[in-house]
Amino acid sequence: MGENSKIEWTDHTFNPWIGCQKVSPGCDHCYAEAMMDHRYHKVEWGPHGERKRTSAANWRKPLQWAKAARATGTRPRVFCASLADWLDNQVPMEWRRDLCDVIEATPELDWLLLTKRPENYDKLSPWPRKPPVNVWLGFTAEDLPNFVRRYKAWIGLKPTVMFVSYEPAIGPLDPLNNPIPPIDWIICGGESGTGARPMDPQWARDVRDYCAEWSIPFFMKQMTGKAPIPPDLMVRQFPDSCRHPSAMSKNSQ
């Protein structure tokens, strides 16, 4: 549950627990549910399903990554909870406090905390409106209505990096007619897996062009069904605040 990641925009993934529930149309074809519930039967997905904490050995991995980062002079990115949501209100608060203790004990790592529940931050996060400097806060937005609703929930927060995962993109953000408010980074991707809903490449191009105009780093992760990314959309940028060796090596691919 904690490992070197195949996700191009991070270095490691860390899952403090597994299990979640669907909250919006972007969750309809959840890969984590398909894998952890339907395939491996590790957890039951949904509001009444049990969230399962991962092993103590897994929880020690961030400390190992931090030690390696000190030795190499790098600053890895850690995507937290790819098989869960760190602001899921079904998770015991003690687990979330333990996660925050690990984050604060590893200042050598940049922690990417992504959620579909930004409205839960004030109630469930142990930090005030300004989280630790090694925390990047992100929310998922699969279309314009969810982008607007989730962004409003975080107005006033002051993380080192505020980012958006526009994935799976199942509707346009249409930034020309609906300007994107201040964001530090946008990741874009189409849906994959069985029944993937199509993403119009023009949706991605519109966001890419808007980001270029306003100097917002843009990262194109994948097309629908992981089809080849068109050459003009092969843009993989990171925020300037994290231009460390591991980021630069992935940015050059």
Protein backbone atom coordinates (compact mmCIF):
# COMPACT_ATOMS: atom_id res chain seq x y z
CA MET A 1 0.00 0.00 0.00
CA GLY A 2 3.05 2.24 0.06
CA GLU A 3 5.35 2.03 -2.90
CA ASN A 4 7.17 3.64 -5.77
CA SER A 5 4.33 4.85 -7.93
CA LYS A 6 3.45 4.29 -11.58
CA ILE A 7 1.42 7.50 -11.46
CA GLU A 8 3.47 9.94 -13.49
CA TRP A 9 2.87 13.01 -11.34
CA THR A 10 4.12 11.51 -8.07
CA ASP A 11 7.07 9.50 -6.79
CA HIS A 12 5.36 7.35 -4.15
CA THR A 13 1.85 6.39 -3.17
CA PHE A 14 0.90 5.84 0.45
CA ASN A 15 -2.40 4.38 1.62
CA PRO A 16 -2.92 4.73 5.37
CA TRP A 17 -6.22 2.87 4.99
CA ILE A 18 -8.38 1.52 2.18
CA GLY A 19 -12.07 1.92 1.50
CA CYS A 20 -14.36 4.76 0.43
CA GLN A 21 -17.79 5.55 -0.98
CA LYS A 22 -19.09 7.27 -4.09
CA VAL A 23 -19.97 10.95 -3.80
CA SER A 24 -20.36 12.23 -7.40
CA PRO A 25 -20.49 11.06 -11.04
CA GLY A 26 -16.69 10.98 -11.22
CA CYS A 27 -16.81 8.02 -8.81
CA ASP A 28 -19.07 5.87 -10.99
CA HIS A 29 -16.25 3.72 -12.39
CA CYS A 30 -13.91 3.90 -9.40
CA TYR A 31 -10.77 1.85 -10.05
CA ALA A 32 -10.11 1.45 -6.32
CA GLU A 33 -13.55 -0.05 -5.74
CA ALA A 34 -13.17 -2.37 -8.71
CA MET A 35 -9.81 -3.59 -7.43
CA MET A 36 -10.15 -3.63 -3.65
CA ASP A 37 -13.82 -4.63 -3.37
CA HIS A 38 -14.93 -6.48 -6.50
CA ARG A 39 -11.64 -8.14 -7.43
CA TYR A 40 -9.68 -8.76 -4.24
CA HIS A 41 -12.57 -8.50 -1.70
CA LYS A 42 -10.35 -6.57 0.73
CA VAL A 43 -13.08 -4.15 1.78
CA GLU A 44 -16.73 -3.43 1.19
CA TRP A 45 -17.18 -0.12 -0.61
CA GLY A 46 -19.88 2.31 0.40
CA PRO A 47 -21.20 4.21 3.43
CA HIS A 48 -21.63 1.05 5.50
CA GLY A 49 -18.40 -0.62 4.43
CA GLU A 50 -15.54 -0.94 6.89
CA ARG A 51 -12.43 1.16 6.29
CA LYS A 52 -9.32 -0.95 6.87
CA ARG A 53 -6.11 0.50 8.22
CA THR A 54 -2.96 -0.74 6.51
CA SER A 55 -0.09 -2.48 8.29
CA ALA A 56 2.42 -0.94 10.68
CA ALA A 57 5.16 -1.86 8.19
CA ASN A 58 3.38 0.15 5.54
CA TRP A 59 3.10 3.14 7.89
CA ARG A 60 6.89 3.09 8.36
CA LYS A 61 7.60 3.50 4.64
CA PRO A 62 7.30 7.32 4.57
CA LEU A 63 9.98 7.50 7.26
CA GLN A 64 12.21 5.37 5.04
CA TRP A 65 11.52 7.60 2.03
CA ALA A 66 12.34 10.68 4.10
CA LYS A 67 15.63 9.14 5.22
CA ALA A 68 16.54 8.33 1.61
CA ALA A 69 15.59 11.87 0.55
CA ARG A 70 17.96 13.33 3.14
CA ALA A 71 20.76 11.12 1.85
CA THR A 72 20.19 11.96 -1.82
CA GLY A 73 19.19 15.60 -1.52
CA THR A 74 15.92 14.99 -3.39
CA ARG A 75 12.39 15.97 -2.42
CA PRO A 76 9.94 13.20 -3.40
CA ARG A 77 6.24 13.72 -3.84
CA VAL A 78 3.90 11.34 -2.00
CA PHE A 79 0.34 10.90 -3.23
CA CYS A 80 -1.67 9.98 -0.16
CA ALA A 81 -4.72 7.69 -0.25
CA SER A 82 -5.04 6.48 -3.83
CA LEU A 83 -7.38 3.76 -2.46
CA ALA A 84 -9.31 5.99 -0.10
CA ASP A 85 -10.06 9.64 0.70
CA TRP A 86 -8.22 11.32 3.55
CA LEU A 87 -11.32 13.44 4.33
CA ASP A 88 -13.78 10.54 4.32
CA ASN A 89 -15.99 11.07 7.37
CA GLN A 90 -16.28 7.30 7.92
CA VAL A 91 -12.59 7.10 8.88
CA PRO A 92 -11.74 7.13 12.62
CA MET A 93 -10.35 10.52 13.58
CA GLU A 94 -7.48 8.82 15.39
CA TRP A 95 -6.23 7.40 12.07
CA ARG A 96 -6.27 10.86 10.51
CA ARG A 97 -4.31 12.29 13.43
CA ASP A 98 -1.77 9.47 13.04
CA LEU A 99 -1.46 10.32 9.35
CA CYS A 100 -0.85 13.97 10.18
CA ASP A 101 1.84 12.96 12.69
CA VAL A 102 3.63 11.03 9.92
CA ILE A 103 3.36 13.99 7.56
CA GLU A 104 4.79 16.37 10.14
CA ALA A 105 7.59 13.89 10.92
CA THR A 106 8.67 13.79 7.25
CA PRO A 107 9.37 17.39 6.19
CA GLU A 108 11.66 16.03 3.44
CA LEU A 109 8.57 14.82 1.54
CA ASP A 110 5.90 16.82 -0.27
CA TRP A 111 2.55 15.24 0.59
CA LEU A 112 -0.17 15.47 -2.05
CA LEU A 113 -3.52 15.17 -0.27
CA LEU A 114 -6.29 14.78 -2.85
CA THR A 115 -9.97 14.67 -1.95
CA LYS A 116 -13.47 14.73 -3.36
CA ARG A 117 -14.66 16.08 -0.01
CA PRO A 118 -13.04 19.50 0.52
CA GLU A 119 -16.12 20.61 2.44
CA ASN A 120 -14.96 18.30 5.26
CA TYR A 121 -11.63 20.09 5.79
CA ASP A 122 -12.63 22.41 8.62
CA LYS A 123 -14.41 19.61 10.47
CA LEU A 124 -11.94 16.75 9.96
CA SER A 125 -8.49 18.19 9.35
CA PRO A 126 -6.36 18.63 12.50
CA TRP A 127 -4.66 21.63 10.93
CA PRO A 128 -5.97 25.19 10.81
CA ARG A 129 -6.56 27.01 7.54
CA LYS A 130 -2.86 26.91 6.73
CA PRO A 131 -1.53 23.31 6.68
CA PRO A 132 2.18 22.40 7.08
CA VAL A 133 4.49 23.65 4.34
CA ASN A 134 5.07 20.14 2.99
CA VAL A 135 1.35 19.61 2.34
CA TRP A 136 -0.17 20.20 -1.08
CA LEU A 137 -3.96 20.25 -1.05
CA GLY A 138 -5.88 19.08 -4.08
CA PHE A 139 -9.45 18.31 -5.02
CA THR A 140 -10.87 16.20 -7.83
CA ALA A 141 -13.22 17.90 -10.29
CA GLU A 142 -14.67 15.84 -13.12
CA ASP A 143 -16.70 18.67 -14.63
CA LEU A 144 -17.49 22.37 -14.19
CA PRO A 145 -20.25 22.09 -11.53
CA ASN A 146 -18.05 19.97 -9.28
CA PHE A 147 -15.06 22.23 -9.87
CA VAL A 148 -17.02 25.31 -8.80
CA ARG A 149 -18.60 23.61 -5.78
CA ARG A 150 -15.35 22.11 -4.48
CA TYR A 151 -13.26 25.22 -5.10
CA LYS A 152 -15.69 27.32 -3.06
CA ALA A 153 -15.23 24.92 -0.14
CA TRP A 154 -11.53 25.79 0.02
CA ILE A 155 -11.56 29.55 -0.43
CA GLY A 156 -9.26 30.96 2.22
CA LEU A 157 -7.01 27.92 2.59
CA LYS A 158 -3.32 28.66 2.14
CA PRO A 159 -1.41 25.48 1.27
CA THR A 160 2.03 25.61 -0.32
CA VAL A 161 0.43 24.25 -3.50
CA MET A 162 -3.28 24.14 -4.34
CA PHE A 163 -3.94 21.72 -7.18
CA VAL A 164 -6.84 20.22 -9.11
CA SER A 165 -7.16 16.75 -10.58
CA TYR A 166 -9.46 17.16 -13.58
CA GLU A 167 -9.85 13.39 -13.85
CA PRO A 168 -11.83 11.58 -14.98
CA ALA A 169 -12.78 14.47 -17.23
CA ILE A 170 -16.41 13.71 -18.11
CA GLY A 171 -17.48 17.26 -18.89
CA PRO A 172 -15.76 20.49 -20.00
CA LEU A 173 -14.36 23.07 -17.60
CA ASP A 174 -14.77 25.61 -20.41
CA PRO A 175 -12.22 28.07 -18.97
CA LEU A 176 -12.77 30.61 -21.77
CA ASN A 177 -16.31 31.24 -20.54
CA ASN A 178 -15.75 30.18 -16.93
CA PRO A 179 -12.30 31.44 -15.89
CA ILE A 180 -10.43 29.16 -13.52
CA PRO A 181 -9.76 30.88 -10.18
CA PRO A 182 -6.24 30.94 -8.67
CA ILE A 183 -4.81 27.40 -8.77
CA ASP A 184 -1.15 26.34 -8.64
CA TRP A 185 -1.37 23.18 -10.76
CA ILE A 186 -3.90 21.29 -12.91
CA ILE A 187 -3.69 17.58 -13.73
CA CYS A 188 -5.92 16.40 -16.59
CA GLY A 189 -6.93 12.89 -17.57
CA GLY A 190 -9.59 10.81 -19.26
CA GLU A 191 -11.29 7.82 -17.68
CA SER A 192 -9.85 4.33 -18.08
CA GLY A 193 -11.18 0.84 -17.51
CA THR A 194 -14.41 -0.89 -18.51
CA GLY A 195 -17.12 1.51 -19.63
CA ALA A 196 -14.82 4.54 -19.73
CA ARG A 197 -16.75 7.68 -20.61
CA PRO A 198 -15.18 9.68 -23.44
CA MET A 199 -13.23 12.87 -22.85
CA ASP A 200 -13.31 15.30 -25.76
CA PRO A 201 -9.64 16.18 -26.43
CA GLN A 202 -10.76 19.78 -26.94
CA TRP A 203 -11.68 19.97 -23.25
CA ALA A 204 -8.06 19.22 -22.40
CA ARG A 205 -6.76 21.64 -25.05
CA ASP A 206 -8.92 24.45 -23.70
CA VAL A 207 -7.56 23.91 -20.18
CA ARG A 208 -3.99 23.58 -21.48
CA ASP A 209 -4.27 26.86 -23.40
CA TYR A 210 -5.79 28.66 -20.44
CA CYS A 211 -3.02 27.38 -18.18
CA ALA A 212 -0.38 28.55 -20.65
CA GLU A 213 -1.93 32.01 -20.78
CA TRP A 214 -2.00 32.35 -16.99
CA SER A 215 1.28 30.52 -16.24
CA ILE A 216 -0.43 27.64 -14.44
CA PRO A 217 1.52 24.36 -14.71
CA PHE A 218 -0.49 21.77 -16.68
CA PHE A 219 0.02 18.02 -16.55
CA MET A 220 -1.68 15.79 -19.14
CA LYS A 221 -1.89 12.34 -17.54
CA GLN A 222 -3.87 10.20 -20.00
CA MET A 223 -6.58 10.08 -22.64
CA THR A 224 -9.78 8.04 -22.42
CA GLY A 225 -8.95 4.37 -22.11
CA LYS A 226 -5.26 5.30 -21.94
CA ALA A 227 -5.18 5.91 -25.69
CA PRO A 228 -1.99 7.63 -26.91
CA ILE A 229 -1.77 11.27 -25.90
CA PRO A 230 -1.74 13.53 -28.99
CA PRO A 231 1.67 15.20 -29.41
CA ASP A 232 0.26 18.69 -28.85
CA LEU A 233 -1.20 17.60 -25.50
CA MET A 234 1.96 15.93 -24.23
CA VAL A 235 2.53 18.64 -21.64
CA ARG A 236 3.76 17.54 -18.21
CA GLN A 237 4.62 20.45 -15.98
CA PHE A 238 5.07 20.79 -12.22
CA PRO A 239 4.73 23.81 -9.95
CA ASP A 240 7.92 25.87 -9.78
CA SER A 241 8.02 25.46 -6.02
CA CYS A 242 8.94 21.79 -6.37
CA ARG A 243 11.59 21.79 -9.08
CA HIS A 244 13.70 19.14 -7.41
CA PRO A 245 15.58 16.30 -9.20
CA SER A 246 12.77 13.73 -9.10
CA ALA A 247 10.26 16.23 -10.49
CA MET A 248 12.61 17.36 -13.24
CA SER A 249 13.38 13.82 -14.32
CA LYS A 250 9.67 13.01 -14.75
CA ASN A 251 8.98 16.37 -16.36
CA SER A 252 11.56 15.61 -19.06
CA GLN A 253 9.97 12.30 -20.10
